[in-house]
């Protein structure tokens, strides 16, 4: 698969991720609404966002200076290879 380079398509992909997240969250809340569920869902979303930021910003800029990762799977594979090989 070729790299995505068209800015409009990249923005569209980001909007699709946002819509998918909103729909999934709304589905969970419709299924079982409580303030506890709202809080736990908000903490989970925030935590995953911070984890993503950590992998793609902190590690690229402060740990593996200049190392770029194509995604989480690429990050895991490279870390496993450098650790064991």
PDB file of N, CA and C in Angstrom:
ATOM      1  N   UNK A   1       0.838  -1.168   0.000  1.00  0.00           N
ATOM      2  CA  UNK A   1       0.000   0.000   0.000  1.00  0.00           C
ATOM      3  C   UNK A   1       0.890   1.240   0.000  1.00  0.00           C
ATOM      4  N   UNK A   2       0.568   2.181  -0.829  1.00  0.00           N
ATOM      5  CA  UNK A   2       1.359   3.406  -0.951  1.00  0.00           C
ATOM      6  C   UNK A   2       1.107   4.338   0.240  1.00  0.00           C
ATOM      7  N   UNK A   3       2.076   5.194   0.518  1.00  0.00           N
ATOM      8  CA  UNK A   3       1.926   6.182   1.582  1.00  0.00           C
ATOM      9  C   UNK A   3       0.847   7.187   1.208  1.00  0.00           C
ATOM     10  N   UNK A   4       0.105   7.602   2.200  1.00  0.00           N
ATOM     11  CA  UNK A   4      -0.947   8.593   2.011  1.00  0.00           C
ATOM     12  C   UNK A   4      -0.307   9.973   1.995  1.00  0.00           C
ATOM     13  N   UNK A   5      -0.505  10.727   0.896  1.00  0.00           N
ATOM     14  CA  UNK A   5       0.144  12.031   0.760  1.00  0.00           C
ATOM     15  C   UNK A   5      -0.832  13.176   0.512  1.00  0.00           C
ATOM     16  N   UNK A   6      -2.039  12.866   0.104  1.00  0.00           N
ATOM     17  CA  UNK A   6      -3.027  13.892  -0.204  1.00  0.00           C
ATOM     18  C   UNK A   6      -3.588  14.474   1.100  1.00  0.00           C
ATOM     19  N   UNK A   7      -3.358  15.779   1.365  1.00  0.00           N
ATOM     20  CA  UNK A   7      -3.826  16.381   2.621  1.00  0.00           C
ATOM     21  C   UNK A   7      -5.331  16.238   2.844  1.00  0.00           C
ATOM     22  N   UNK A   8      -6.134  16.350   1.801  1.00  0.00           N
ATOM     23  CA  UNK A   8      -7.587  16.220   1.949  1.00  0.00           C
ATOM     24  C   UNK A   8      -7.961  14.816   2.416  1.00  0.00           C
ATOM     25  N   UNK A   9      -7.318  13.816   1.864  1.00  0.00           N
ATOM     26  CA  UNK A   9      -7.597  12.437   2.255  1.00  0.00           C
ATOM     27  C   UNK A   9      -7.114  12.183   3.684  1.00  0.00           C
ATOM     28  N   UNK A  10      -5.988  12.777   4.060  1.00  0.00           N
ATOM     29  CA  UNK A  10      -5.472  12.625   5.423  1.00  0.00           C
ATOM     30  C   UNK A  10      -6.448  13.250   6.425  1.00  0.00           C
ATOM     31  N   UNK A  11      -6.953  14.450   6.125  1.00  0.00           N
ATOM     32  CA  UNK A  11      -7.930  15.088   7.005  1.00  0.00           C
ATOM     33  C   UNK A  11      -9.216  14.264   7.072  1.00  0.00           C
ATOM     34  N   UNK A  12      -9.652  13.743   5.923  1.00  0.00           N
ATOM     35  CA  UNK A  12     -10.858  12.920   5.877  1.00  0.00           C
ATOM     36  C   UNK A  12     -10.685  11.679   6.758  1.00  0.00           C
ATOM     37  N   UNK A  13      -9.521  11.071   6.693  1.00  0.00           N
ATOM     38  CA  UNK A  13      -9.230   9.899   7.520  1.00  0.00           C
ATOM     39  C   UNK A  13      -9.295  10.270   9.003  1.00  0.00           C
ATOM     40  N   UNK A  14      -8.752  11.418   9.373  1.00  0.00           N
ATOM     41  CA  UNK A  14      -8.826  11.885  10.755  1.00  0.00           C
ATOM     42  C   UNK A  14     -10.259  12.104  11.203  1.00  0.00           C
ATOM     43  N   UNK A  15     -11.081  12.682  10.340  1.00  0.00           N
ATOM     44  CA  UNK A  15     -12.498  12.902  10.662  1.00  0.00           C
ATOM     45  C   UNK A  15     -13.202  11.556  10.835  1.00  0.00           C
ATOM     46  N   UNK A  16     -12.877  10.589   9.994  1.00  0.00           N
ATOM     47  CA  UNK A  16     -13.478   9.257  10.134  1.00  0.00           C
ATOM     48  C   UNK A  16     -13.120   8.616  11.475  1.00  0.00           C
ATOM     49  N   UNK A  17     -11.873   8.778  11.918  1.00  0.00           N
ATOM     50  CA  UNK A  17     -11.479   8.274  13.236  1.00  0.00           C
ATOM     51  C   UNK A  17     -12.293   8.956  14.335  1.00  0.00           C
ATOM     52  N   UNK A  18     -12.457  10.262  14.224  1.00  0.00           N
ATOM     53  CA  UNK A  18     -13.238  11.008  15.207  1.00  0.00           C
ATOM     54  C   UNK A  18     -14.686  10.521  15.228  1.00  0.00           C
ATOM     55  N   UNK A  19     -15.288  10.366  14.060  1.00  0.00           N
ATOM     56  CA  UNK A  19     -16.676   9.904  13.969  1.00  0.00           C
ATOM     57  C   UNK A  19     -16.808   8.495  14.553  1.00  0.00           C
ATOM     58  N   UNK A  20     -15.866   7.614  14.227  1.00  0.00           N
ATOM     59  CA  UNK A  20     -15.909   6.250  14.757  1.00  0.00           C
ATOM     60  C   UNK A  20     -15.814   6.260  16.283  1.00  0.00           C
ATOM     61  N   UNK A  21     -14.934   7.083  16.829  1.00  0.00           N
ATOM     62  CA  UNK A  21     -14.800   7.175  18.278  1.00  0.00           C
ATOM     63  C   UNK A  21     -16.048   7.716  18.945  1.00  0.00           C
ATOM     64  N   UNK A  22     -16.632   8.748  18.350  1.00  0.00           N
ATOM     65  CA  UNK A  22     -17.852   9.328  18.918  1.00  0.00           C
ATOM     66  C   UNK A  22     -19.001   8.322  18.865  1.00  0.00           C
ATOM     67  N   UNK A  23     -19.145   7.627  17.725  1.00  0.00           N
ATOM     68  CA  UNK A  23     -20.225   6.643  17.600  1.00  0.00           C
ATOM     69  C   UNK A  23     -20.041   5.473  18.557  1.00  0.00           C
ATOM     70  N   UNK A  24     -18.814   4.989  18.698  1.00  0.00           N
ATOM     71  CA  UNK A  24     -18.548   3.883  19.619  1.00  0.00           C
ATOM     72  C   UNK A  24     -18.820   4.309  21.062  1.00  0.00           C
ATOM     73  N   UNK A  25     -18.377   5.499  21.420  1.00  0.00           N
ATOM     74  CA  UNK A  25     -18.618   6.003  22.778  1.00  0.00           C
ATOM     75  C   UNK A  25     -20.109   6.193  23.028  1.00  0.00           C
ATOM     76  N   UNK A  26     -20.799   6.765  22.065  1.00  0.00           N
ATOM     77  CA  UNK A  26     -22.239   6.964  22.208  1.00  0.00           C
ATOM     78  C   UNK A  26     -22.954   5.623  22.330  1.00  0.00           C
ATOM     79  N   UNK A  27     -22.511   4.635  21.552  1.00  0.00           N
ATOM     80  CA  UNK A  27     -23.114   3.304  21.642  1.00  0.00           C
ATOM     81  C   UNK A  27     -22.944   2.695  23.014  1.00  0.00           C
ATOM     82  N   UNK A  28     -21.759   2.843  23.589  1.00  0.00           N
ATOM     83  CA  UNK A  28     -21.528   2.330  24.946  1.00  0.00           C
ATOM     84  C   UNK A  28     -22.406   3.038  25.961  1.00  0.00           C
ATOM     85  N   UNK A  29     -22.514   4.355  25.835  1.00  0.00           N
ATOM     86  CA  UNK A  29     -23.299   5.119  26.802  1.00  0.00           C
ATOM     87  C   UNK A  29     -24.797   4.873  26.653  1.00  0.00           C
ATOM     88  N   UNK A  30     -25.262   4.648  25.430  1.00  0.00           N
ATOM     89  CA  UNK A  30     -26.671   4.322  25.225  1.00  0.00           C
ATOM     90  C   UNK A  30     -26.975   2.949  25.825  1.00  0.00           C
ATOM     91  N   UNK A  31     -26.044   2.030  25.666  1.00  0.00           N
ATOM     92  CA  UNK A  31     -26.228   0.662  26.171  1.00  0.00           C
ATOM     93  C   UNK A  31     -26.244   0.607  27.700  1.00  0.00           C
ATOM     94  N   UNK A  32     -25.357   1.361  28.331  1.00  0.00           N
ATOM     95  CA  UNK A  32     -25.246   1.274  29.790  1.00  0.00           C
ATOM     96  C   UNK A  32     -24.816   2.621  30.364  1.00  0.00           C
ATOM     97  N   UNK A  33     -25.743   3.584  30.400  1.00  0.00           N
ATOM     98  CA  UNK A  33     -25.376   4.911  30.877  1.00  0.00           C
ATOM     99  C   UNK A  33     -25.289   4.950  32.394  1.00  0.00           C
ATOM    100  N   UNK A  34     -24.191   5.491  32.850  1.00  0.00           N
ATOM    101  CA  UNK A  34     -24.028   5.880  34.257  1.00  0.00           C
ATOM    102  C   UNK A  34     -22.852   6.849  34.282  1.00  0.00           C
ATOM    103  N   UNK A  35     -22.771   7.676  35.307  1.00  0.00           N
ATOM    104  CA  UNK A  35     -21.668   8.633  35.391  1.00  0.00           C
ATOM    105  C   UNK A  35     -20.343   7.917  35.596  1.00  0.00           C
ATOM    106  N   UNK A  36     -20.398   6.752  36.210  1.00  0.00           N
ATOM    107  CA  UNK A  36     -19.191   5.942  36.380  1.00  0.00           C
ATOM    108  C   UNK A  36     -18.659   5.493  35.016  1.00  0.00           C
ATOM    109  N   UNK A  37     -19.549   5.053  34.140  1.00  0.00           N
ATOM    110  CA  UNK A  37     -19.156   4.634  32.787  1.00  0.00           C
ATOM    111  C   UNK A  37     -18.599   5.821  32.009  1.00  0.00           C
ATOM    112  N   UNK A  38     -19.237   6.988  32.135  1.00  0.00           N
ATOM    113  CA  UNK A  38     -18.754   8.197  31.455  1.00  0.00           C
ATOM    114  C   UNK A  38     -17.333   8.521  31.915  1.00  0.00           C
ATOM    115  N   UNK A  39     -17.109   8.489  33.210  1.00  0.00           N
ATOM    116  CA  UNK A  39     -15.783   8.797  33.760  1.00  0.00           C
ATOM    117  C   UNK A  39     -14.743   7.774  33.302  1.00  0.00           C
ATOM    118  N   UNK A  40     -15.077   6.496  33.393  1.00  0.00           N
ATOM    119  CA  UNK A  40     -14.122   5.453  32.981  1.00  0.00           C
ATOM    120  C   UNK A  40     -13.811   5.538  31.486  1.00  0.00           C
ATOM    121  N   UNK A  41     -14.816   5.820  30.673  1.00  0.00           N
ATOM    122  CA  UNK A  41     -14.602   5.966  29.233  1.00  0.00           C
ATOM    123  C   UNK A  41     -13.711   7.168  28.938  1.00  0.00           C
ATOM    124  N   UNK A  42     -13.946   8.276  29.628  1.00  0.00           N
ATOM    125  CA  UNK A  42     -13.122   9.471  29.438  1.00  0.00           C
ATOM    126  C   UNK A  42     -11.675   9.206  29.851  1.00  0.00           C
ATOM    127  N   UNK A  43     -11.481   8.514  30.965  1.00  0.00           N
ATOM    128  CA  UNK A  43     -10.121   8.178  31.403  1.00  0.00           C
ATOM    129  C   UNK A  43      -9.440   7.249  30.406  1.00  0.00           C
ATOM    130  N   UNK A  44     -10.165   6.266  29.885  1.00  0.00           N
ATOM    131  CA  UNK A  44      -9.595   5.336  28.911  1.00  0.00           C
ATOM    132  C   UNK A  44      -9.174   6.065  27.635  1.00  0.00           C
ATOM    133  N   UNK A  45     -10.044   6.930  27.116  1.00  0.00           N
ATOM    134  CA  UNK A  45      -9.717   7.678  25.894  1.00  0.00           C
ATOM    135  C   UNK A  45      -8.509   8.573  26.141  1.00  0.00           C
ATOM    136  N   UNK A  46      -8.501   9.304  27.239  1.00  0.00           N
ATOM    137  CA  UNK A  46      -7.383  10.188  27.568  1.00  0.00           C
ATOM    138  C   UNK A  46      -6.080   9.393  27.700  1.00  0.00           C
ATOM    139  N   UNK A  47      -6.144   8.248  28.380  1.00  0.00           N
ATOM    140  CA  UNK A  47      -4.950   7.427  28.588  1.00  0.00           C
ATOM    141  C   UNK A  47      -4.393   6.894  27.279  1.00  0.00           C
ATOM    142  N   UNK A  48      -5.258   6.414  26.404  1.00  0.00           N
ATOM    143  CA  UNK A  48      -4.790   5.919  25.106  1.00  0.00           C
ATOM    144  C   UNK A  48      -4.199   7.041  24.261  1.00  0.00           C
ATOM    145  N   UNK A  49      -4.779   8.233  24.340  1.00  0.00           N
ATOM    146  CA  UNK A  49      -4.210   9.378  23.618  1.00  0.00           C
ATOM    147  C   UNK A  49      -2.821   9.714  24.138  1.00  0.00           C
ATOM    148  N   UNK A  50      -2.640   9.698  25.443  1.00  0.00           N
ATOM    149  CA  UNK A  50      -1.324   9.977  26.030  1.00  0.00           C
ATOM    150  C   UNK A  50      -0.317   8.897  25.662  1.00  0.00           C
ATOM    151  N   UNK A  51      -0.745   7.642  25.605  1.00  0.00           N
ATOM    152  CA  UNK A  51       0.130   6.546  25.214  1.00  0.00           C
ATOM    153  C   UNK A  51       0.586   6.737  23.764  1.00  0.00           C
ATOM    154  N   UNK A  52      -0.343   7.095  22.896  1.00  0.00           N
ATOM    155  CA  UNK A  52      -0.023   7.332  21.488  1.00  0.00           C
ATOM    156  C   UNK A  52       0.979   8.481  21.369  1.00  0.00           C
ATOM    157  N   UNK A  53       0.729   9.552  22.108  1.00  0.00           N
ATOM    158  CA  UNK A  53       1.648  10.693  22.120  1.00  0.00           C
ATOM    159  C   UNK A  53       3.030  10.253  22.595  1.00  0.00           C
ATOM    160  N   UNK A  54       3.080   9.454  23.650  1.00  0.00           N
ATOM    161  CA  UNK A  54       4.339   8.966  24.187  1.00  0.00           C
ATOM    162  C   UNK A  54       5.114   8.190  23.126  1.00  0.00           C
ATOM    163  N   UNK A  55       4.436   7.273  22.449  1.00  0.00           N
ATOM    164  CA  UNK A  55       5.113   6.441  21.446  1.00  0.00           C
ATOM    165  C   UNK A  55       5.598   7.281  20.272  1.00  0.00           C
ATOM    166  N   UNK A  56       4.752   8.157  19.762  1.00  0.00           N
ATOM    167  CA  UNK A  56       5.098   8.845  18.522  1.00  0.00           C
ATOM    168  C   UNK A  56       5.751  10.200  18.692  1.00  0.00           C
ATOM    169  N   UNK A  57       5.778  10.752  19.869  1.00  0.00           N
ATOM    170  CA  UNK A  57       6.466  12.020  20.035  1.00  0.00           C
ATOM    171  C   UNK A  57       7.635  11.890  21.002  1.00  0.00           C
ATOM    172  N   UNK A  58       7.347  11.456  22.201  1.00  0.00           N
ATOM    173  CA  UNK A  58       8.394  11.381  23.220  1.00  0.00           C
ATOM    174  C   UNK A  58       9.512  10.442  22.794  1.00  0.00           C
ATOM    175  N   UNK A  59       9.169   9.249  22.352  1.00  0.00           N
ATOM    176  CA  UNK A  59      10.217   8.292  21.968  1.00  0.00           C
ATOM    177  C   UNK A  59      10.970   8.777  20.737  1.00  0.00           C
ATOM    178  N   UNK A  60      10.251   9.274  19.721  1.00  0.00           N
ATOM    179  CA  UNK A  60      10.930   9.755  18.512  1.00  0.00           C
ATOM    180  C   UNK A  60      11.837  10.942  18.784  1.00  0.00           C
ATOM    181  N   UNK A  61      11.452  11.826  19.693  1.00  0.00           N
ATOM    182  CA  UNK A  61      12.216  13.048  19.909  1.00  0.00           C
ATOM    183  C   UNK A  61      13.208  12.985  21.064  1.00  0.00           C
ATOM    184  N   UNK A  62      12.975  12.120  22.030  1.00  0.00           N
ATOM    185  CA  UNK A  62      13.834  12.110  23.212  1.00  0.00           C
ATOM    186  C   UNK A  62      14.572  10.796  23.456  1.00  0.00           C
ATOM    187  N   UNK A  63      14.053   9.682  22.959  1.00  0.00           N
ATOM    188  CA  UNK A  63      14.690   8.389  23.212  1.00  0.00           C
ATOM    189  C   UNK A  63      15.445   7.906  21.980  1.00  0.00           C
ATOM    190  N   UNK A  64      14.743   7.695  20.891  1.00  0.00           N
ATOM    191  CA  UNK A  64      15.347   7.238  19.632  1.00  0.00           C
ATOM    192  C   UNK A  64      15.436   8.422  18.682  1.00  0.00           C
ATOM    193  N   UNK A  65      16.321   9.335  18.964  1.00  0.00           N
ATOM    194  CA  UNK A  65      16.428  10.559  18.160  1.00  0.00           C
ATOM    195  C   UNK A  65      16.542  10.230  16.672  1.00  0.00           C
ATOM    196  N   UNK A  66      15.614  10.728  15.905  1.00  0.00           N
ATOM    197  CA  UNK A  66      15.639  10.520  14.462  1.00  0.00           C
ATOM    198  C   UNK A  66      14.950   9.257  13.995  1.00  0.00           C
ATOM    199  N   UNK A  67      14.596   8.355  14.903  1.00  0.00           N
ATOM    200  CA  UNK A  67      13.914   7.111  14.535  1.00  0.00           C
ATOM    201  C   UNK A  67      12.443   7.415  14.268  1.00  0.00           C
ATOM    202  N   UNK A  68      11.927   6.928  13.166  1.00  0.00           N
ATOM    203  CA  UNK A  68      10.526   7.147  12.815  1.00  0.00           C
ATOM    204  C   UNK A  68       9.804   5.805  12.793  1.00  0.00           C
ATOM    205  N   UNK A  69       8.558   5.798  13.250  1.00  0.00           N
ATOM    206  CA  UNK A  69       7.745   4.589  13.278  1.00  0.00           C
ATOM    207  C   UNK A  69       6.512   4.786  12.414  1.00  0.00           C
ATOM    208  N   UNK A  70       6.135   3.738  11.678  1.00  0.00           N
ATOM    209  CA  UNK A  70       4.972   3.813  10.802  1.00  0.00           C
ATOM    210  C   UNK A  70       3.663   3.596  11.569  1.00  0.00           C
ATOM    211  N   UNK A  71       3.739   3.054  12.751  1.00  0.00           N
ATOM    212  CA  UNK A  71       2.551   2.785  13.553  1.00  0.00           C
ATOM    213  C   UNK A  71       2.945   2.019  14.800  1.00  0.00           C
ATOM    214  N   UNK A  72       1.958   1.686  15.599  1.00  0.00           N
ATOM    215  CA  UNK A  72       2.244   0.978  16.840  1.00  0.00           C
ATOM    216  C   UNK A  72       2.872  -0.391  16.588  1.00  0.00           C
ATOM    217  N   UNK A  73       2.381  -1.104  15.581  1.00  0.00           N
ATOM    218  CA  UNK A  73       2.936  -2.420  15.266  1.00  0.00           C
ATOM    219  C   UNK A  73       4.405  -2.296  14.843  1.00  0.00           C
ATOM    220  N   UNK A  74       4.732  -1.303  14.043  1.00  0.00           N
ATOM    221  CA  UNK A  74       6.111  -1.056  13.625  1.00  0.00           C
ATOM    222  C   UNK A  74       6.987  -0.747  14.840  1.00  0.00           C
ATOM    223  N   UNK A  75       6.468   0.046  15.764  1.00  0.00           N
ATOM    224  CA  UNK A  75       7.189   0.363  16.995  1.00  0.00           C
ATOM    225  C   UNK A  75       7.491  -0.907  17.790  1.00  0.00           C
ATOM    226  N   UNK A  76       6.485  -1.746  17.972  1.00  0.00           N
ATOM    227  CA  UNK A  76       6.647  -2.984  18.742  1.00  0.00           C
ATOM    228  C   UNK A  76       7.656  -3.911  18.068  1.00  0.00           C
ATOM    229  N   UNK A  77       7.549  -4.071  16.751  1.00  0.00           N
ATOM    230  CA  UNK A  77       8.484  -4.945  16.030  1.00  0.00           C
ATOM    231  C   UNK A  77       9.917  -4.448  16.158  1.00  0.00           C
ATOM    232  N   UNK A  78      10.129  -3.162  15.962  1.00  0.00           N
ATOM    233  CA  UNK A  78      11.502  -2.623  16.037  1.00  0.00           C
ATOM    234  C   UNK A  78      12.073  -2.723  17.435  1.00  0.00           C
ATOM    235  N   UNK A  79      11.242  -2.480  18.436  1.00  0.00           N
ATOM    236  CA  UNK A  79      11.722  -2.575  19.819  1.00  0.00           C
ATOM    237  C   UNK A  79      12.079  -4.015  20.147  1.00  0.00           C
ATOM    238  N   UNK A  80      11.265  -4.962  19.676  1.00  0.00           N
ATOM    239  CA  UNK A  80      11.534  -6.387  19.927  1.00  0.00           C
ATOM    240  C   UNK A  80      12.799  -6.827  19.207  1.00  0.00           C
ATOM    241  N   UNK A  81      13.014  -6.345  17.982  1.00  0.00           N
ATOM    242  CA  UNK A  81      14.201  -6.728  17.226  1.00  0.00           C
ATOM    243  C   UNK A  81      15.473  -6.154  17.840  1.00  0.00           C
ATOM    244  N   UNK A  82      15.406  -4.910  18.289  1.00  0.00           N
ATOM    245  CA  UNK A  82      16.624  -4.298  18.863  1.00  0.00           C
ATOM    246  C   UNK A  82      16.926  -4.881  20.233  1.00  0.00           C
ATOM    247  N   UNK A  83      15.924  -5.389  20.906  1.00  0.00           N
ATOM    248  CA  UNK A  83      16.134  -5.975  22.218  1.00  0.00           C
ATOM    249  C   UNK A  83      16.754  -7.379  22.124  1.00  0.00           C
ATOM    250  N   UNK A  84      16.302  -8.137  21.121  1.00  0.00           N
ATOM    251  CA  UNK A  84      16.710  -9.532  21.007  1.00  0.00           C
ATOM    252  C   UNK A  84      17.680  -9.789  19.855  1.00  0.00           C
ATOM    253  N   UNK A  85      17.948  -8.831  19.043  1.00  0.00           N
ATOM    254  CA  UNK A  85      18.780  -9.132  17.884  1.00  0.00           C
ATOM    255  C   UNK A  85      19.641  -8.035  17.566  1.00  0.00           C
TER     256      UNK A  85
END
